[in-house]
Full PDB file with SEQRES, HELIX, SHEET, SSBOND, CRYST1, ORIGX, SCALE, CONECT and MASTER records, all heavy atoms in Angstrom:
SEQRES   1 A   40  ARG GLY GLY PRO THR THR PRO GLY ALA THR ALA ALA VAL          
SEQRES   2 A   40  ARG ALA GLY SER VAL ARG LEU HIS LEU ALA LEU ASP LEU          
SEQRES   3 A   40  PRO TYR PRO THR ASP ILE PRO HIS VAL CYS GLU ARG ILE          
SEQRES   4 A   40  ARG                                                          
HELIX    1 AA1 ILE A   32  ILE A   39  1                                   8    
SHEET    1 AA1 2 GLY A   8  ARG A  14  0                                        
SHEET    2 AA1 2 SER A  17  ALA A  23 -1                                        
CRYST1    1.000    1.000    1.000  90.00  90.00  90.00 P 1           1          
ORIGX1      1.000000  0.000000  0.000000        0.00000                         
ORIGX2      0.000000  1.000000  0.000000        0.00000                         
ORIGX3      0.000000  0.000000  1.000000        0.00000                         
SCALE1      1.000000  0.000000  0.000000        0.00000                         
SCALE2      0.000000  1.000000  0.000000        0.00000                         
SCALE3      0.000000  0.000000  1.000000        0.00000                         
ATOM      1  N   ARG A   1      84.107 -96.348 -49.702  1.00  0.00           N  
ATOM      2  CA  ARG A   1      83.765 -97.055 -48.466  1.00  0.00           C  
ATOM      3  C   ARG A   1      84.335 -96.332 -47.262  1.00  0.00           C  
ATOM      4  O   ARG A   1      85.521 -96.266 -47.056  1.00  0.00           O  
ATOM      5  CB  ARG A   1      84.334 -98.472 -48.506  1.00  0.00           C  
ATOM      6  CG  ARG A   1      83.648 -99.381 -49.484  1.00  0.00           C  
ATOM      7  CD  ARG A   1      84.108-100.787 -49.192  1.00  0.00           C  
ATOM      8  NE  ARG A   1      83.347-101.828 -49.751  1.00  0.00           N  
ATOM      9  CZ  ARG A   1      82.082-102.126 -49.454  1.00  0.00           C  
ATOM     10  NH1 ARG A   1      81.411-101.408 -48.640  1.00  0.00           N  
ATOM     11  NH2 ARG A   1      81.488-103.155 -49.990  1.00  0.00           N  
ATOM     12  N   GLY A   2      83.440 -95.770 -46.455  1.00  0.00           N  
ATOM     13  CA  GLY A   2      83.831 -95.179 -45.193  1.00  0.00           C  
ATOM     14  C   GLY A   2      84.452 -93.802 -45.306  1.00  0.00           C  
ATOM     15  O   GLY A   2      84.880 -93.237 -44.319  1.00  0.00           O  
ATOM     16  N   GLY A   3      84.513 -93.223 -46.478  1.00  0.00           N  
ATOM     17  CA  GLY A   3      85.087 -91.896 -46.649  1.00  0.00           C  
ATOM     18  C   GLY A   3      84.087 -90.798 -46.406  1.00  0.00           C  
ATOM     19  O   GLY A   3      82.939 -91.053 -46.037  1.00  0.00           O  
ATOM     20  N   PRO A   4      84.506 -89.551 -46.613  1.00  0.00           N  
ATOM     21  CA  PRO A   4      83.625 -88.426 -46.329  1.00  0.00           C  
ATOM     22  C   PRO A   4      82.428 -88.335 -47.273  1.00  0.00           C  
ATOM     23  O   PRO A   4      81.446 -87.680 -46.938  1.00  0.00           O  
ATOM     24  CB  PRO A   4      84.542 -87.214 -46.487  1.00  0.00           C  
ATOM     25  CG  PRO A   4      85.666 -87.674 -47.330  1.00  0.00           C  
ATOM     26  CD  PRO A   4      85.823 -89.140 -47.065  1.00  0.00           C  
ATOM     27  N   THR A   5      82.479 -88.963 -48.439  1.00  0.00           N  
ATOM     28  CA  THR A   5      81.355 -88.880 -49.370  1.00  0.00           C  
ATOM     29  C   THR A   5      80.440 -90.104 -49.289  1.00  0.00           C  
ATOM     30  O   THR A   5      79.549 -90.253 -50.108  1.00  0.00           O  
ATOM     31  CB  THR A   5      81.860 -88.707 -50.815  1.00  0.00           C  
ATOM     32  OG1 THR A   5      82.652 -89.832 -51.169  1.00  0.00           O  
ATOM     33  CG2 THR A   5      82.649 -87.428 -50.980  1.00  0.00           C  
ATOM     34  N   THR A   6      80.668 -90.979 -48.344  1.00  0.00           N  
ATOM     35  CA  THR A   6      79.844 -92.168 -48.196  1.00  0.00           C  
ATOM     36  C   THR A   6      78.428 -91.760 -47.781  1.00  0.00           C  
ATOM     37  O   THR A   6      78.259 -90.987 -46.847  1.00  0.00           O  
ATOM     38  CB  THR A   6      80.416 -93.121 -47.129  1.00  0.00           C  
ATOM     39  OG1 THR A   6      81.709 -93.523 -47.556  1.00  0.00           O  
ATOM     40  CG2 THR A   6      79.552 -94.333 -46.950  1.00  0.00           C  
ATOM     41  N   PRO A   7      77.394 -92.310 -48.439  1.00  0.00           N  
ATOM     42  CA  PRO A   7      76.023 -92.007 -48.034  1.00  0.00           C  
ATOM     43  C   PRO A   7      75.735 -92.534 -46.637  1.00  0.00           C  
ATOM     44  O   PRO A   7      76.333 -93.509 -46.184  1.00  0.00           O  
ATOM     45  CB  PRO A   7      75.169 -92.743 -49.061  1.00  0.00           C  
ATOM     46  CG  PRO A   7      76.070 -93.082 -50.182  1.00  0.00           C  
ATOM     47  CD  PRO A   7      77.447 -93.162 -49.608  1.00  0.00           C  
ATOM     48  N   GLY A   8      74.805 -91.898 -45.968  1.00  0.00           N  
ATOM     49  CA  GLY A   8      74.342 -92.368 -44.686  1.00  0.00           C  
ATOM     50  C   GLY A   8      72.850 -92.644 -44.765  1.00  0.00           C  
ATOM     51  O   GLY A   8      72.151 -92.058 -45.592  1.00  0.00           O  
ATOM     52  N   ALA A   9      72.356 -93.533 -43.932  1.00  0.00           N  
ATOM     53  CA  ALA A   9      70.933 -93.867 -43.950  1.00  0.00           C  
ATOM     54  C   ALA A   9      70.454 -94.191 -42.550  1.00  0.00           C  
ATOM     55  O   ALA A   9      71.191 -94.739 -41.732  1.00  0.00           O  
ATOM     56  CB  ALA A   9      70.667 -95.047 -44.873  1.00  0.00           C  
ATOM     57  N   THR A  10      69.208 -93.849 -42.290  1.00  0.00           N  
ATOM     58  CA  THR A  10      68.504 -94.292 -41.092  1.00  0.00           C  
ATOM     59  C   THR A  10      67.183 -94.907 -41.554  1.00  0.00           C  
ATOM     60  O   THR A  10      66.672 -94.555 -42.626  1.00  0.00           O  
ATOM     61  CB  THR A  10      68.224 -93.141 -40.103  1.00  0.00           C  
ATOM     62  OG1 THR A  10      67.463 -92.138 -40.766  1.00  0.00           O  
ATOM     63  CG2 THR A  10      69.512 -92.539 -39.573  1.00  0.00           C  
ATOM     64  N   ALA A  11      66.661 -95.821 -40.767  1.00  0.00           N  
ATOM     65  CA  ALA A  11      65.439 -96.514 -41.132  1.00  0.00           C  
ATOM     66  C   ALA A  11      64.544 -96.660 -39.907  1.00  0.00           C  
ATOM     67  O   ALA A  11      65.035 -96.815 -38.780  1.00  0.00           O  
ATOM     68  CB  ALA A  11      65.748 -97.887 -41.698  1.00  0.00           C  
ATOM     69  N   ALA A  12      63.243 -96.614 -40.134  1.00  0.00           N  
ATOM     70  CA  ALA A  12      62.253 -96.865 -39.103  1.00  0.00           C  
ATOM     71  C   ALA A  12      61.264 -97.889 -39.658  1.00  0.00           C  
ATOM     72  O   ALA A  12      60.521 -97.591 -40.593  1.00  0.00           O  
ATOM     73  CB  ALA A  12      61.531 -95.577 -38.718  1.00  0.00           C  
ATOM     74  N   VAL A  13      61.302 -99.094 -39.089  1.00  0.00           N  
ATOM     75  CA  VAL A  13      60.441-100.182 -39.548  1.00  0.00           C  
ATOM     76  C   VAL A  13      59.254-100.294 -38.607  1.00  0.00           C  
ATOM     77  O   VAL A  13      59.420-100.414 -37.394  1.00  0.00           O  
ATOM     78  CB  VAL A  13      61.210-101.526 -39.579  1.00  0.00           C  
ATOM     79  CG1 VAL A  13      60.311-102.652 -40.050  1.00  0.00           C  
ATOM     80  CG2 VAL A  13      62.450-101.418 -40.451  1.00  0.00           C  
ATOM     81  N   ARG A  14      58.057-100.248 -39.177  1.00  0.00           N  
ATOM     82  CA  ARG A  14      56.833-100.386 -38.401  1.00  0.00           C  
ATOM     83  C   ARG A  14      55.803-101.153 -39.226  1.00  0.00           C  
ATOM     84  O   ARG A  14      55.476-100.740 -40.328  1.00  0.00           O  
ATOM     85  CB  ARG A  14      56.219 -99.016 -38.056  1.00  0.00           C  
ATOM     86  CG  ARG A  14      57.112 -98.092 -37.273  1.00  0.00           C  
ATOM     87  CD  ARG A  14      57.294 -98.571 -35.830  1.00  0.00           C  
ATOM     88  NE  ARG A  14      58.211 -97.697 -35.102  1.00  0.00           N  
ATOM     89  CZ  ARG A  14      59.516 -97.882 -34.996  1.00  0.00           C  
ATOM     90  NH1 ARG A  14      60.093 -98.900 -35.567  1.00  0.00           N  
ATOM     91  NH2 ARG A  14      60.273 -97.044 -34.315  1.00  0.00           N  
ATOM     92  N   ALA A  15      55.318-102.244 -38.678  1.00  0.00           N  
ATOM     93  CA  ALA A  15      54.219-103.024 -39.251  1.00  0.00           C  
ATOM     94  C   ALA A  15      54.421-103.369 -40.731  1.00  0.00           C  
ATOM     95  O   ALA A  15      53.532-103.132 -41.535  1.00  0.00           O  
ATOM     96  CB  ALA A  15      52.898-102.275 -39.040  1.00  0.00           C  
ATOM     97  N   GLY A  16      55.577-103.877 -41.086  1.00  0.00           N  
ATOM     98  CA  GLY A  16      55.810-104.312 -42.453  1.00  0.00           C  
ATOM     99  C   GLY A  16      56.126-103.202 -43.436  1.00  0.00           C  
ATOM    100  O   GLY A  16      56.204-103.437 -44.629  1.00  0.00           O  
ATOM    101  N   SER A  17      56.308-102.002 -42.937  1.00  0.00           N  
ATOM    102  CA  SER A  17      56.615-100.855 -43.779  1.00  0.00           C  
ATOM    103  C   SER A  17      57.857-100.160 -43.223  1.00  0.00           C  
ATOM    104  O   SER A  17      58.122-100.244 -42.033  1.00  0.00           O  
ATOM    105  CB  SER A  17      55.430 -99.895 -43.788  1.00  0.00           C  
ATOM    106  OG  SER A  17      55.712 -98.771 -44.578  1.00  0.00           O  
ATOM    107  N   VAL A  18      58.596 -99.477 -44.069  1.00  0.00           N  
ATOM    108  CA  VAL A  18      59.807 -98.821 -43.628  1.00  0.00           C  
ATOM    109  C   VAL A  18      59.839 -97.388 -44.171  1.00  0.00           C  
ATOM    110  O   VAL A  18      59.400 -97.117 -45.278  1.00  0.00           O  
ATOM    111  CB  VAL A  18      61.069 -99.595 -44.065  1.00  0.00           C  
ATOM    112  CG1 VAL A  18      61.189 -99.693 -45.557  1.00  0.00           C  
ATOM    113  CG2 VAL A  18      62.327 -98.998 -43.480  1.00  0.00           C  
ATOM    114  N   ARG A  19      60.335 -96.473 -43.328  1.00  0.00           N  
ATOM    115  CA  ARG A  19      60.617 -95.101 -43.735  1.00  0.00           C  
ATOM    116  C   ARG A  19      62.121 -94.938 -43.722  1.00  0.00           C  
ATOM    117  O   ARG A  19      62.780 -95.272 -42.726  1.00  0.00           O  
ATOM    118  CB  ARG A  19      59.981 -94.097 -42.748  1.00  0.00           C  
ATOM    119  CG  ARG A  19      58.514 -93.980 -42.928  1.00  0.00           C  
ATOM    120  CD  ARG A  19      57.919 -92.848 -42.097  1.00  0.00           C  
ATOM    121  NE  ARG A  19      58.792 -92.267 -41.118  1.00  0.00           N  
ATOM    122  CZ  ARG A  19      58.574 -92.240 -39.802  1.00  0.00           C  
ATOM    123  NH1 ARG A  19      57.494 -92.770 -39.325  1.00  0.00           N  
ATOM    124  NH2 ARG A  19      59.432 -91.688 -38.978  1.00  0.00           N  
ATOM    125  N   LEU A  20      62.687 -94.404 -44.807  1.00  0.00           N  
ATOM    126  CA  LEU A  20      64.124 -94.234 -44.915  1.00  0.00           C  
ATOM    127  C   LEU A  20      64.497 -92.760 -44.995  1.00  0.00           C  
ATOM    128  O   LEU A  20      63.756 -91.957 -45.582  1.00  0.00           O  
ATOM    129  CB  LEU A  20      64.635 -94.915 -46.203  1.00  0.00           C  
ATOM    130  CG  LEU A  20      64.452 -96.410 -46.311  1.00  0.00           C  
ATOM    131  CD1 LEU A  20      64.817 -96.882 -47.716  1.00  0.00           C  
ATOM    132  CD2 LEU A  20      65.279 -97.136 -45.274  1.00  0.00           C  
ATOM    133  N   HIS A  21      65.628 -92.422 -44.419  1.00  0.00           N  
ATOM    134  CA  HIS A  21      66.215 -91.104 -44.598  1.00  0.00           C  
ATOM    135  C   HIS A  21      67.639 -91.301 -45.065  1.00  0.00           C  
ATOM    136  O   HIS A  21      68.422 -91.986 -44.428  1.00  0.00           O  
ATOM    137  CB  HIS A  21      66.204 -90.296 -43.287  1.00  0.00           C  
ATOM    138  CG  HIS A  21      66.845 -88.947 -43.471  1.00  0.00           C  
ATOM    139  ND1 HIS A  21      66.153 -87.882 -43.981  1.00  0.00           N  
ATOM    140  CD2 HIS A  21      68.097 -88.525 -43.276  1.00  0.00           C  
ATOM    141  CE1 HIS A  21      66.963 -86.845 -44.073  1.00  0.00           C  
ATOM    142  NE2 HIS A  21      68.160 -87.220 -43.647  1.00  0.00           N  
ATOM    143  N   LEU A  22      67.956 -90.720 -46.225  1.00  0.00           N  
ATOM    144  CA  LEU A  22      69.291 -90.834 -46.817  1.00  0.00           C  
ATOM    145  C   LEU A  22      69.956 -89.470 -46.796  1.00  0.00           C  
ATOM    146  O   LEU A  22      69.317 -88.447 -46.999  1.00  0.00           O  
ATOM    147  CB  LEU A  22      69.201 -91.305 -48.268  1.00  0.00           C  
ATOM    148  CG  LEU A  22      68.432 -92.585 -48.545  1.00  0.00           C  
ATOM    149  CD1 LEU A  22      68.274 -92.787 -50.041  1.00  0.00           C  
ATOM    150  CD2 LEU A  22      69.149 -93.763 -47.925  1.00  0.00           C  
ATOM    151  N   ALA A  23      71.251 -89.460 -46.588  1.00  0.00           N  
ATOM    152  CA  ALA A  23      72.068 -88.247 -46.674  1.00  0.00           C  
ATOM    153  C   ALA A  23      73.266 -88.575 -47.531  1.00  0.00           C  
ATOM    154  O   ALA A  23      73.989 -89.542 -47.256  1.00  0.00           O  
ATOM    155  CB  ALA A  23      72.498 -87.793 -45.284  1.00  0.00           C  
ATOM    156  N   LEU A  24      73.478 -87.776 -48.582  1.00  0.00           N  
ATOM    157  CA  LEU A  24      74.590 -88.063 -49.489  1.00  0.00           C  
ATOM    158  C   LEU A  24      75.106 -86.797 -50.164  1.00  0.00           C  
ATOM    159  O   LEU A  24      74.490 -85.755 -50.083  1.00  0.00           O  
ATOM    160  CB  LEU A  24      74.195 -89.108 -50.524  1.00  0.00           C  
ATOM    161  CG  LEU A  24      72.893 -88.921 -51.314  1.00  0.00           C  
ATOM    162  CD1 LEU A  24      73.132 -88.117 -52.552  1.00  0.00           C  
ATOM    163  CD2 LEU A  24      72.363 -90.279 -51.666  1.00  0.00           C  
ATOM    164  N   ASP A  25      76.251 -86.945 -50.790  1.00  0.00           N  
ATOM    165  CA  ASP A  25      76.875 -85.866 -51.551  1.00  0.00           C  
ATOM    166  C   ASP A  25      76.607 -86.113 -53.026  1.00  0.00           C  
ATOM    167  O   ASP A  25      76.504 -87.262 -53.462  1.00  0.00           O  
ATOM    168  CB  ASP A  25      78.387 -85.852 -51.328  1.00  0.00           C  
ATOM    169  CG  ASP A  25      78.767 -85.598 -49.883  1.00  0.00           C  
ATOM    170  OD1 ASP A  25      77.909 -85.137 -49.107  1.00  0.00           O  
ATOM    171  OD2 ASP A  25      79.921 -85.866 -49.523  1.00  0.00           O  
ATOM    172  N   LEU A  26      76.506 -85.029 -53.789  1.00  0.00           N  
ATOM    173  CA  LEU A  26      76.319 -85.121 -55.229  1.00  0.00           C  
ATOM    174  C   LEU A  26      77.392 -84.286 -55.924  1.00  0.00           C  
ATOM    175  O   LEU A  26      77.892 -83.319 -55.358  1.00  0.00           O  
ATOM    176  CB  LEU A  26      74.934 -84.609 -55.643  1.00  0.00           C  
ATOM    177  CG  LEU A  26      73.738 -85.435 -55.195  1.00  0.00           C  
ATOM    178  CD1 LEU A  26      72.434 -84.775 -55.628  1.00  0.00           C  
ATOM    179  CD2 LEU A  26      73.813 -86.843 -55.744  1.00  0.00           C  
ATOM    180  N   PRO A  27      77.728 -84.668 -57.141  1.00  0.00           N  
ATOM    181  CA  PRO A  27      78.732 -83.884 -57.872  1.00  0.00           C  
ATOM    182  C   PRO A  27      78.137 -82.551 -58.328  1.00  0.00           C  
ATOM    183  O   PRO A  27      76.919 -82.429 -58.521  1.00  0.00           O  
ATOM    184  CB  PRO A  27      79.074 -84.771 -59.072  1.00  0.00           C  
ATOM    185  CG  PRO A  27      77.867 -85.610 -59.278  1.00  0.00           C  
ATOM    186  CD  PRO A  27      77.265 -85.826 -57.916  1.00  0.00           C  
ATOM    187  N   TYR A  28      79.020 -81.581 -58.508  1.00  0.00           N  
ATOM    188  CA  TYR A  28      78.601 -80.295 -59.038  1.00  0.00           C  
ATOM    189  C   TYR A  28      79.254 -80.123 -60.396  1.00  0.00           C  
ATOM    190  O   TYR A  28      80.452 -80.393 -60.528  1.00  0.00           O  
ATOM    191  CB  TYR A  28      79.059 -79.148 -58.122  1.00  0.00           C  
ATOM    192  CG  TYR A  28      78.696 -77.782 -58.664  1.00  0.00           C  
ATOM    193  CD1 TYR A  28      77.423 -77.301 -58.510  1.00  0.00           C  
ATOM    194  CD2 TYR A  28      79.645 -77.050 -59.375  1.00  0.00           C  
ATOM    195  CE1 TYR A  28      77.088 -76.065 -59.021  1.00  0.00           C  
ATOM    196  CE2 TYR A  28      79.307 -75.804 -59.894  1.00  0.00           C  
ATOM    197  CZ  TYR A  28      78.024 -75.322 -59.717  1.00  0.00           C  
ATOM    198  OH  TYR A  28      77.691 -74.108 -60.240  1.00  0.00           O  
ATOM    199  N   PRO A  29      78.562 -79.751 -61.405  1.00  0.00           N  
ATOM    200  CA  PRO A  29      77.117 -79.499 -61.516  1.00  0.00           C  
ATOM    201  C   PRO A  29      76.352 -80.790 -61.774  1.00  0.00           C  
ATOM    202  O   PRO A  29      76.900 -81.741 -62.319  1.00  0.00           O  
ATOM    203  CB  PRO A  29      77.025 -78.559 -62.722  1.00  0.00           C  
ATOM    204  CG  PRO A  29      78.173 -78.967 -63.586  1.00  0.00           C  
ATOM    205  CD  PRO A  29      79.257 -79.415 -62.652  1.00  0.00           C  
ATOM    206  N   THR A  30      75.092 -80.802 -61.386  1.00  0.00           N  
ATOM    207  CA  THR A  30      74.212 -81.942 -61.629  1.00  0.00           C  
ATOM    208  C   THR A  30      72.764 -81.479 -61.600  1.00  0.00           C  
ATOM    209  O   THR A  30      72.457 -80.435 -61.035  1.00  0.00           O  
ATOM    210  CB  THR A  30      74.444 -83.057 -60.584  1.00  0.00           C  
ATOM    211  OG1 THR A  30      73.792 -84.238 -61.014  1.00  0.00           O  
ATOM    212  CG2 THR A  30      73.924 -82.676 -59.223  1.00  0.00           C  
ATOM    213  N   ASP A  31      71.898 -82.242 -62.190  1.00  0.00           N  
ATOM    214  CA  ASP A  31      70.464 -81.977 -62.169  1.00  0.00           C  
ATOM    215  C   ASP A  31      69.929 -82.603 -60.872  1.00  0.00           C  
ATOM    216  O   ASP A  31      69.547 -83.775 -60.836  1.00  0.00           O  
ATOM    217  CB  ASP A  31      69.800 -82.590 -63.393  1.00  0.00           C  
ATOM    218  CG  ASP A  31      68.311 -82.352 -63.452  1.00  0.00           C  
ATOM    219  OD1 ASP A  31      67.755 -81.701 -62.537  1.00  0.00           O  
ATOM    220  OD2 ASP A  31      67.682 -82.831 -64.416  1.00  0.00           O  
ATOM    221  N   ILE A  32      69.949 -81.847 -59.795  1.00  0.00           N  
ATOM    222  CA  ILE A  32      69.669 -82.369 -58.460  1.00  0.00           C  
ATOM    223  C   ILE A  32      68.307 -83.061 -58.362  1.00  0.00           C  
ATOM    224  O   ILE A  32      68.240 -84.204 -57.904  1.00  0.00           O  
ATOM    225  CB  ILE A  32      69.824 -81.269 -57.391  1.00  0.00           C  
ATOM    226  CG1 ILE A  32      71.291 -80.828 -57.354  1.00  0.00           C  
ATOM    227  CG2 ILE A  32      69.374 -81.754 -56.019  1.00  0.00           C  
ATOM    228  CD1 ILE A  32      71.557 -79.617 -56.483  1.00  0.00           C  
ATOM    229  N   PRO A  33      67.193 -82.432 -58.787  1.00  0.00           N  
ATOM    230  CA  PRO A  33      65.895 -83.115 -58.650  1.00  0.00           C  
ATOM    231  C   PRO A  33      65.831 -84.450 -59.411  1.00  0.00           C  
ATOM    232  O   PRO A  33      65.328 -85.440 -58.878  1.00  0.00           O  
ATOM    233  CB  PRO A  33      64.878 -82.132 -59.210  1.00  0.00           C  
ATOM    234  CG  PRO A  33      65.554 -80.805 -59.160  1.00  0.00           C  
ATOM    235  CD  PRO A  33      67.018 -81.076 -59.319  1.00  0.00           C  
ATOM    236  N   HIS A  34      66.366 -84.465 -60.613  1.00  0.00           N  
ATOM    237  CA  HIS A  34      66.322 -85.682 -61.428  1.00  0.00           C  
ATOM    238  C   HIS A  34      67.168 -86.788 -60.810  1.00  0.00           C  
ATOM    239  O   HIS A  34      66.726 -87.936 -60.666  1.00  0.00           O  
ATOM    240  CB  HIS A  34      66.810 -85.366 -62.848  1.00  0.00           C  
ATOM    241  CG  HIS A  34      66.749 -86.515 -63.764  1.00  0.00           C  
ATOM    242  ND1 HIS A  34      67.835 -87.303 -64.039  1.00  0.00           N  
ATOM    243  CD2 HIS A  34      65.719 -87.049 -64.465  1.00  0.00           C  
ATOM    244  CE1 HIS A  34      67.491 -88.273 -64.860  1.00  0.00           C  
ATOM    245  NE2 HIS A  34      66.215 -88.129 -65.153  1.00  0.00           N  
ATOM    246  N   VAL A  35      68.385 -86.471 -60.420  1.00  0.00           N  
ATOM    247  CA  VAL A  35      69.291 -87.461 -59.838  1.00  0.00           C  
ATOM    248  C   VAL A  35      68.726 -87.964 -58.500  1.00  0.00           C  
ATOM    249  O   VAL A  35      68.736 -89.172 -58.233  1.00  0.00           O  
ATOM    250  CB  VAL A  35      70.708 -86.877 -59.664  1.00  0.00           C  
ATOM    251  CG1 VAL A  35      71.582 -87.789 -58.818  1.00  0.00           C  
ATOM    252  CG2 VAL A  35      71.349 -86.656 -61.022  1.00  0.00           C  
ATOM    253  N   CYS A  36      68.226 -87.056 -57.682  1.00  0.00           N  
ATOM    254  CA  CYS A  36      67.664 -87.475 -56.380  1.00  0.00           C  
ATOM    255  C   CYS A  36      66.463 -88.403 -56.552  1.00  0.00           C  
ATOM    256  O   CYS A  36      66.343 -89.394 -55.829  1.00  0.00           O  
ATOM    257  CB  CYS A  36      67.256 -86.253 -55.558  1.00  0.00           C  
ATOM    258  SG  CYS A  36      68.657 -85.342 -54.901  1.00  0.00           S  
ATOM    259  N   GLU A  37      65.608 -88.127 -57.510  1.00  0.00           N  
ATOM    260  CA  GLU A  37      64.446 -88.990 -57.732  1.00  0.00           C  
ATOM    261  C   GLU A  37      64.872 -90.375 -58.183  1.00  0.00           C  
ATOM    262  O   GLU A  37      64.329 -91.375 -57.728  1.00  0.00           O  
ATOM    263  CB  GLU A  37      63.504 -88.367 -58.769  1.00  0.00           C  
ATOM    264  CG  GLU A  37      62.267 -89.192 -59.033  1.00  0.00           C  
ATOM    265  CD  GLU A  37      61.466 -89.528 -57.782  1.00  0.00           C  
ATOM    266  OE1 GLU A  37      61.382 -88.691 -56.872  1.00  0.00           O  
ATOM    267  OE2 GLU A  37      60.924 -90.658 -57.710  1.00  0.00           O  
ATOM    268  N   ARG A  38      65.880 -90.457 -59.041  1.00  0.00           N  
ATOM    269  CA  ARG A  38      66.347 -91.764 -59.516  1.00  0.00           C  
ATOM    270  C   ARG A  38      67.033 -92.531 -58.388  1.00  0.00           C  
ATOM    271  O   ARG A  38      66.844 -93.740 -58.264  1.00  0.00           O  
ATOM    272  CB  ARG A  38      67.261 -91.589 -60.698  1.00  0.00           C  
ATOM    273  CG  ARG A  38      66.436 -91.000 -61.880  1.00  0.00           C  
ATOM    274  CD  ARG A  38      67.092 -91.047 -63.164  1.00  0.00           C  
ATOM    275  NE  ARG A  38      67.208 -92.430 -63.621  1.00  0.00           N  
ATOM    276  CZ  ARG A  38      67.690 -92.726 -64.796  1.00  0.00           C  
ATOM    277  NH1 ARG A  38      68.081 -91.784 -65.611  1.00  0.00           N  
ATOM    278  NH2 ARG A  38      67.806 -93.975 -65.172  1.00  0.00           N  
ATOM    279  N   ILE A  39      67.820 -91.852 -57.563  1.00  0.00           N  
ATOM    280  CA  ILE A  39      68.457 -92.500 -56.416  1.00  0.00           C  
ATOM    281  C   ILE A  39      67.388 -92.975 -55.435  1.00  0.00           C  
ATOM    282  O   ILE A  39      67.424 -94.106 -54.943  1.00  0.00           O  
ATOM    283  CB  ILE A  39      69.457 -91.564 -55.721  1.00  0.00           C  
ATOM    284  CG1 ILE A  39      70.697 -91.359 -56.625  1.00  0.00           C  
ATOM    285  CG2 ILE A  39      69.867 -92.109 -54.361  1.00  0.00           C  
ATOM    286  CD1 ILE A  39      71.671 -90.324 -56.133  1.00  0.00           C  
ATOM    287  N   ARG A  40      66.402 -92.143 -55.167  1.00  0.00           N  
ATOM    288  CA  ARG A  40      65.308 -92.492 -54.269  1.00  0.00           C  
ATOM    289  C   ARG A  40      64.592 -93.751 -54.760  1.00  0.00           C  
ATOM    290  O   ARG A  40      64.321 -94.669 -53.987  1.00  0.00           O  
ATOM    291  CB  ARG A  40      64.339 -91.302 -54.190  1.00  0.00           C  
ATOM    292  CG  ARG A  40      63.332 -91.394 -53.103  1.00  0.00           C  
ATOM    293  CD  ARG A  40      62.433 -90.165 -53.049  1.00  0.00           C  
ATOM    294  NE  ARG A  40      63.162 -89.005 -52.591  1.00  0.00           N  
ATOM    295  CZ  ARG A  40      63.194 -87.829 -53.220  1.00  0.00           C  
ATOM    296  NH1 ARG A  40      62.537 -87.654 -54.343  1.00  0.00           N  
ATOM    297  NH2 ARG A  40      63.866 -86.825 -52.719  1.00  0.00           N  
TER     298      ARG A  40                                                      
MASTER        0    0    0    1    2    0    0    6  297    1    0    4          
END                                                                             
């Protein structure tokens, strides 16, 4: 909570729909595409 590895998010809500942008840290090593898709 509130540390340097805390994810960040922005949102844009328009007409009942939302676009999200997430920024986060991942552990090394990791399967980046697989983990990102599951988080998404």
